[in-house]
Amino acid sequence: MYRYTAVAQLREIVMTMERDLGLTALSHNEKEVLYAVQSVLAVSDSIAKSDEIRSHDLVQDMSQPTFHRALKSLLARGLLRHAPDTKAGSYIM
């Protein structure tokens, strides 16, 4: 039973952090894409490529159209930007 309590507490912490960061208006899919981008950026050369994001565990089961809609929305909201001096499909935060 404790393991479920720990997960519930972690979920509450994440929700609080999302609220503090102003991410509550994002859809579930938008959050997952944003977190996948951040995860890729943490281990890359500061540029997240679309195929690296797409293969991340958080979004790999997401349909292609849903992934691209979420990505486009994050760009429109200014949470992601196209990486300068790169080909399409490269992003920075």
N, C-alpha and C. Protein backbone atom coordinates (compact mmCIF):
# COMPACT_ATOMS: atom_id res chain seq x y z
N MET A 1 0.82 -1.20 0.00
CA MET A 1 0.00 0.00 0.00
C MET A 1 0.86 1.26 0.00
N TYR A 2 2.01 1.24 0.67
CA TYR A 2 2.87 2.41 0.74
C TYR A 2 3.32 2.88 -0.63
N ARG A 3 3.58 1.93 -1.53
CA ARG A 3 4.08 2.35 -2.85
C ARG A 3 3.08 3.23 -3.58
N TYR A 4 1.80 3.00 -3.38
CA TYR A 4 0.80 3.87 -4.00
C TYR A 4 0.76 5.23 -3.33
N THR A 5 0.98 5.25 -2.03
CA THR A 5 1.03 6.51 -1.30
C THR A 5 2.19 7.36 -1.80
N ALA A 6 3.33 6.73 -2.01
CA ALA A 6 4.51 7.46 -2.50
C ALA A 6 4.25 8.03 -3.89
N VAL A 7 3.62 7.26 -4.75
CA VAL A 7 3.31 7.74 -6.10
C VAL A 7 2.32 8.90 -6.03
N ALA A 8 1.33 8.79 -5.16
CA ALA A 8 0.35 9.87 -5.00
C ALA A 8 1.04 11.15 -4.52
N GLN A 9 1.97 11.01 -3.58
CA GLN A 9 2.69 12.18 -3.09
C GLN A 9 3.56 12.79 -4.18
N LEU A 10 4.23 11.96 -4.96
CA LEU A 10 5.03 12.47 -6.08
C LEU A 10 4.16 13.21 -7.08
N ARG A 11 3.00 12.66 -7.36
CA ARG A 11 2.07 13.31 -8.30
C ARG A 11 1.64 14.68 -7.80
N GLU A 12 1.38 14.77 -6.50
CA GLU A 12 1.02 16.06 -5.91
C GLU A 12 2.17 17.06 -6.03
N ILE A 13 3.39 16.60 -5.83
CA ILE A 13 4.57 17.47 -5.96
C ILE A 13 4.68 17.97 -7.40
N VAL A 14 4.50 17.07 -8.36
CA VAL A 14 4.58 17.46 -9.77
C VAL A 14 3.48 18.48 -10.10
N MET A 15 2.28 18.24 -9.64
CA MET A 15 1.19 19.18 -9.90
C MET A 15 1.50 20.56 -9.32
N THR A 16 2.05 20.60 -8.12
CA THR A 16 2.42 21.87 -7.49
C THR A 16 3.50 22.57 -8.31
N MET A 17 4.51 21.83 -8.75
CA MET A 17 5.58 22.40 -9.56
C MET A 17 5.03 22.93 -10.89
N GLU A 18 4.13 22.17 -11.53
CA GLU A 18 3.53 22.62 -12.78
C GLU A 18 2.76 23.92 -12.57
N ARG A 19 2.03 24.00 -11.46
CA ARG A 19 1.28 25.23 -11.16
C ARG A 19 2.25 26.39 -10.95
N ASP A 20 3.32 26.16 -10.20
CA ASP A 20 4.30 27.22 -9.93
C ASP A 20 4.99 27.70 -11.21
N LEU A 21 5.17 26.80 -12.17
CA LEU A 21 5.82 27.15 -13.44
C LEU A 21 4.84 27.68 -14.48
N GLY A 22 3.55 27.71 -14.14
CA GLY A 22 2.55 28.22 -15.07
C GLY A 22 2.20 27.25 -16.19
N LEU A 23 2.32 25.95 -15.91
CA LEU A 23 2.07 24.94 -16.95
C LEU A 23 0.68 24.32 -16.87
N THR A 24 -0.16 24.79 -15.99
CA THR A 24 -1.47 24.15 -15.81
C THR A 24 -2.38 24.31 -17.02
N ALA A 25 -2.14 25.32 -17.85
CA ALA A 25 -2.98 25.52 -19.03
C ALA A 25 -2.62 24.56 -20.16
N LEU A 26 -1.49 23.87 -20.03
CA LEU A 26 -1.07 22.94 -21.08
C LEU A 26 -1.87 21.64 -20.99
N SER A 27 -2.11 21.04 -22.13
CA SER A 27 -2.76 19.73 -22.15
C SER A 27 -1.75 18.67 -21.68
N HIS A 28 -2.24 17.50 -21.40
CA HIS A 28 -1.38 16.39 -21.01
C HIS A 28 -0.32 16.13 -22.08
N ASN A 29 -0.74 16.10 -23.34
CA ASN A 29 0.19 15.83 -24.43
C ASN A 29 1.24 16.93 -24.57
N GLU A 30 0.83 18.18 -24.41
CA GLU A 30 1.78 19.28 -24.47
C GLU A 30 2.83 19.16 -23.37
N LYS A 31 2.39 18.81 -22.17
CA LYS A 31 3.33 18.62 -21.07
C LYS A 31 4.30 17.48 -21.36
N GLU A 32 3.80 16.40 -21.88
CA GLU A 32 4.66 15.25 -22.17
C GLU A 32 5.71 15.60 -23.22
N VAL A 33 5.31 16.33 -24.25
CA VAL A 33 6.27 16.75 -25.27
C VAL A 33 7.29 17.72 -24.67
N LEU A 34 6.82 18.67 -23.87
CA LEU A 34 7.73 19.62 -23.23
C LEU A 34 8.75 18.90 -22.35
N TYR A 35 8.29 17.94 -21.57
CA TYR A 35 9.20 17.20 -20.69
C TYR A 35 10.16 16.33 -21.50
N ALA A 36 9.70 15.77 -22.60
CA ALA A 36 10.58 14.99 -23.46
C ALA A 36 11.66 15.88 -24.07
N VAL A 37 11.28 17.07 -24.50
CA VAL A 37 12.27 18.01 -25.05
C VAL A 37 13.30 18.35 -23.99
N GLN A 38 12.85 18.68 -22.80
CA GLN A 38 13.77 19.02 -21.71
C GLN A 38 14.70 17.86 -21.40
N SER A 39 14.19 16.67 -21.42
CA SER A 39 14.99 15.48 -21.15
C SER A 39 16.06 15.28 -22.23
N VAL A 40 15.68 15.49 -23.48
CA VAL A 40 16.63 15.37 -24.59
C VAL A 40 17.69 16.47 -24.48
N LEU A 41 17.27 17.68 -24.17
CA LEU A 41 18.21 18.80 -24.04
C LEU A 41 19.22 18.56 -22.92
N ALA A 42 18.81 17.87 -21.89
CA ALA A 42 19.70 17.61 -20.75
C ALA A 42 20.89 16.73 -21.11
N VAL A 43 20.75 15.94 -22.16
CA VAL A 43 21.84 15.02 -22.55
C VAL A 43 22.38 15.30 -23.95
N SER A 44 21.96 16.41 -24.54
CA SER A 44 22.39 16.71 -25.92
C SER A 44 23.27 17.95 -25.94
N ASP A 45 23.51 18.42 -27.12
CA ASP A 45 24.33 19.62 -27.30
C ASP A 45 23.46 20.89 -27.31
N SER A 46 22.46 20.93 -26.47
CA SER A 46 21.56 22.08 -26.31
C SER A 46 20.57 22.25 -27.45
N ILE A 47 20.47 21.27 -28.32
CA ILE A 47 19.47 21.27 -29.38
C ILE A 47 18.75 19.93 -29.34
N ALA A 48 17.43 19.98 -29.33
CA ALA A 48 16.62 18.76 -29.36
C ALA A 48 16.09 18.56 -30.77
N LYS A 49 16.45 17.47 -31.37
CA LYS A 49 15.99 17.16 -32.73
C LYS A 49 14.68 16.38 -32.63
N SER A 50 13.83 16.63 -33.60
CA SER A 50 12.50 16.05 -33.61
C SER A 50 12.52 14.52 -33.45
N ASP A 51 13.43 13.83 -34.16
CA ASP A 51 13.46 12.38 -34.06
C ASP A 51 13.91 11.91 -32.68
N GLU A 52 14.77 12.68 -32.01
CA GLU A 52 15.18 12.33 -30.64
C GLU A 52 14.02 12.53 -29.67
N ILE A 53 13.29 13.61 -29.85
CA ILE A 53 12.13 13.88 -29.01
C ILE A 53 11.09 12.78 -29.23
N ARG A 54 10.83 12.49 -30.49
CA ARG A 54 9.80 11.52 -30.88
C ARG A 54 10.07 10.13 -30.32
N SER A 55 11.34 9.77 -30.13
CA SER A 55 11.67 8.44 -29.63
C SER A 55 11.75 8.38 -28.10
N HIS A 56 11.53 9.51 -27.43
CA HIS A 56 11.57 9.53 -25.97
C HIS A 56 10.41 8.72 -25.40
N ASP A 57 10.65 8.06 -24.29
CA ASP A 57 9.62 7.22 -23.65
C ASP A 57 8.32 7.96 -23.38
N LEU A 58 8.39 9.23 -23.06
CA LEU A 58 7.18 9.98 -22.73
C LEU A 58 6.24 10.18 -23.91
N VAL A 59 6.77 10.15 -25.12
CA VAL A 59 5.94 10.46 -26.29
C VAL A 59 5.95 9.39 -27.37
N GLN A 60 6.71 8.33 -27.20
CA GLN A 60 6.85 7.36 -28.28
C GLN A 60 5.54 6.66 -28.63
N ASP A 61 4.60 6.59 -27.70
CA ASP A 61 3.31 5.97 -28.00
C ASP A 61 2.26 6.97 -28.47
N MET A 62 2.62 8.24 -28.50
CA MET A 62 1.72 9.30 -28.95
C MET A 62 1.62 9.24 -30.48
N SER A 63 0.43 9.45 -31.00
CA SER A 63 0.29 9.43 -32.45
C SER A 63 1.08 10.59 -33.06
N GLN A 64 1.49 10.41 -34.29
CA GLN A 64 2.28 11.43 -34.99
C GLN A 64 1.54 12.77 -35.06
N PRO A 65 0.25 12.77 -35.46
CA PRO A 65 -0.46 14.05 -35.52
C PRO A 65 -0.58 14.73 -34.16
N THR A 66 -0.82 13.97 -33.10
CA THR A 66 -0.92 14.53 -31.76
C THR A 66 0.40 15.12 -31.33
N PHE A 67 1.49 14.41 -31.60
CA PHE A 67 2.83 14.90 -31.28
C PHE A 67 3.09 16.24 -31.96
N HIS A 68 2.79 16.32 -33.25
CA HIS A 68 3.05 17.56 -34.00
C HIS A 68 2.13 18.70 -33.58
N ARG A 69 0.89 18.40 -33.22
CA ARG A 69 0.00 19.45 -32.71
C ARG A 69 0.53 20.01 -31.39
N ALA A 70 0.98 19.12 -30.51
CA ALA A 70 1.51 19.56 -29.22
C ALA A 70 2.78 20.39 -29.43
N LEU A 71 3.65 19.94 -30.32
CA LEU A 71 4.88 20.67 -30.63
C LEU A 71 4.56 22.06 -31.17
N LYS A 72 3.62 22.12 -32.10
CA LYS A 72 3.22 23.39 -32.69
C LYS A 72 2.63 24.33 -31.63
N SER A 73 1.84 23.79 -30.73
CA SER A 73 1.26 24.59 -29.66
C SER A 73 2.33 25.14 -28.73
N LEU A 74 3.32 24.32 -28.39
CA LEU A 74 4.41 24.77 -27.53
C LEU A 74 5.23 25.88 -28.20
N LEU A 75 5.40 25.78 -29.51
CA LEU A 75 6.07 26.83 -30.26
C LEU A 75 5.25 28.12 -30.23
N ALA A 76 3.95 28.00 -30.46
CA ALA A 76 3.06 29.16 -30.46
C ALA A 76 3.01 29.84 -29.09
N ARG A 77 3.12 29.07 -28.03
CA ARG A 77 3.09 29.61 -26.67
C ARG A 77 4.44 30.19 -26.25
N GLY A 78 5.45 29.96 -27.06
CA GLY A 78 6.78 30.47 -26.74
C GLY A 78 7.57 29.62 -25.76
N LEU A 79 7.08 28.43 -25.48
CA LEU A 79 7.80 27.54 -24.56
C LEU A 79 8.93 26.80 -25.26
N LEU A 80 8.83 26.68 -26.57
CA LEU A 80 9.90 26.13 -27.40
C LEU A 80 10.18 27.12 -28.53
N ARG A 81 11.38 27.02 -29.09
CA ARG A 81 11.73 27.84 -30.25
C ARG A 81 12.49 26.96 -31.23
N HIS A 82 12.43 27.33 -32.47
CA HIS A 82 13.26 26.66 -33.47
C HIS A 82 14.70 27.04 -33.18
N ALA A 83 15.59 26.07 -33.23
CA ALA A 83 17.00 26.37 -33.00
C ALA A 83 17.53 27.21 -34.16
N PRO A 84 18.26 28.27 -33.85
CA PRO A 84 18.78 29.13 -34.92
C PRO A 84 19.86 28.41 -35.72
N ASP A 85 19.95 28.77 -37.00
CA ASP A 85 20.98 28.24 -37.89
C ASP A 85 20.97 26.72 -38.00
N THR A 86 19.78 26.13 -37.94
CA THR A 86 19.63 24.68 -38.08
C THR A 86 18.52 24.39 -39.07
N LYS A 87 18.47 23.15 -39.47
CA LYS A 87 17.37 22.72 -40.32
C LYS A 87 16.10 22.60 -39.49
N ALA A 88 14.98 22.46 -40.16
CA ALA A 88 13.71 22.26 -39.47
C ALA A 88 13.78 21.02 -38.59
N GLY A 89 13.04 21.01 -37.53
CA GLY A 89 13.01 19.85 -36.66
C GLY A 89 14.04 19.91 -35.55
N SER A 90 14.62 21.09 -35.30
CA SER A 90 15.57 21.29 -34.21
C SER A 90 15.03 22.37 -33.29
N TYR A 91 15.01 22.10 -31.99
CA TYR A 91 14.34 22.98 -31.05
C TYR A 91 15.21 23.30 -29.84
N ILE A 92 14.95 24.46 -29.26
CA ILE A 92 15.57 24.87 -28.01
C ILE A 92 14.47 25.42 -27.11
N MET A 93 14.79 25.60 -25.84
CA MET A 93 13.82 26.17 -24.91
C MET A 93 14.21 27.59 -24.57
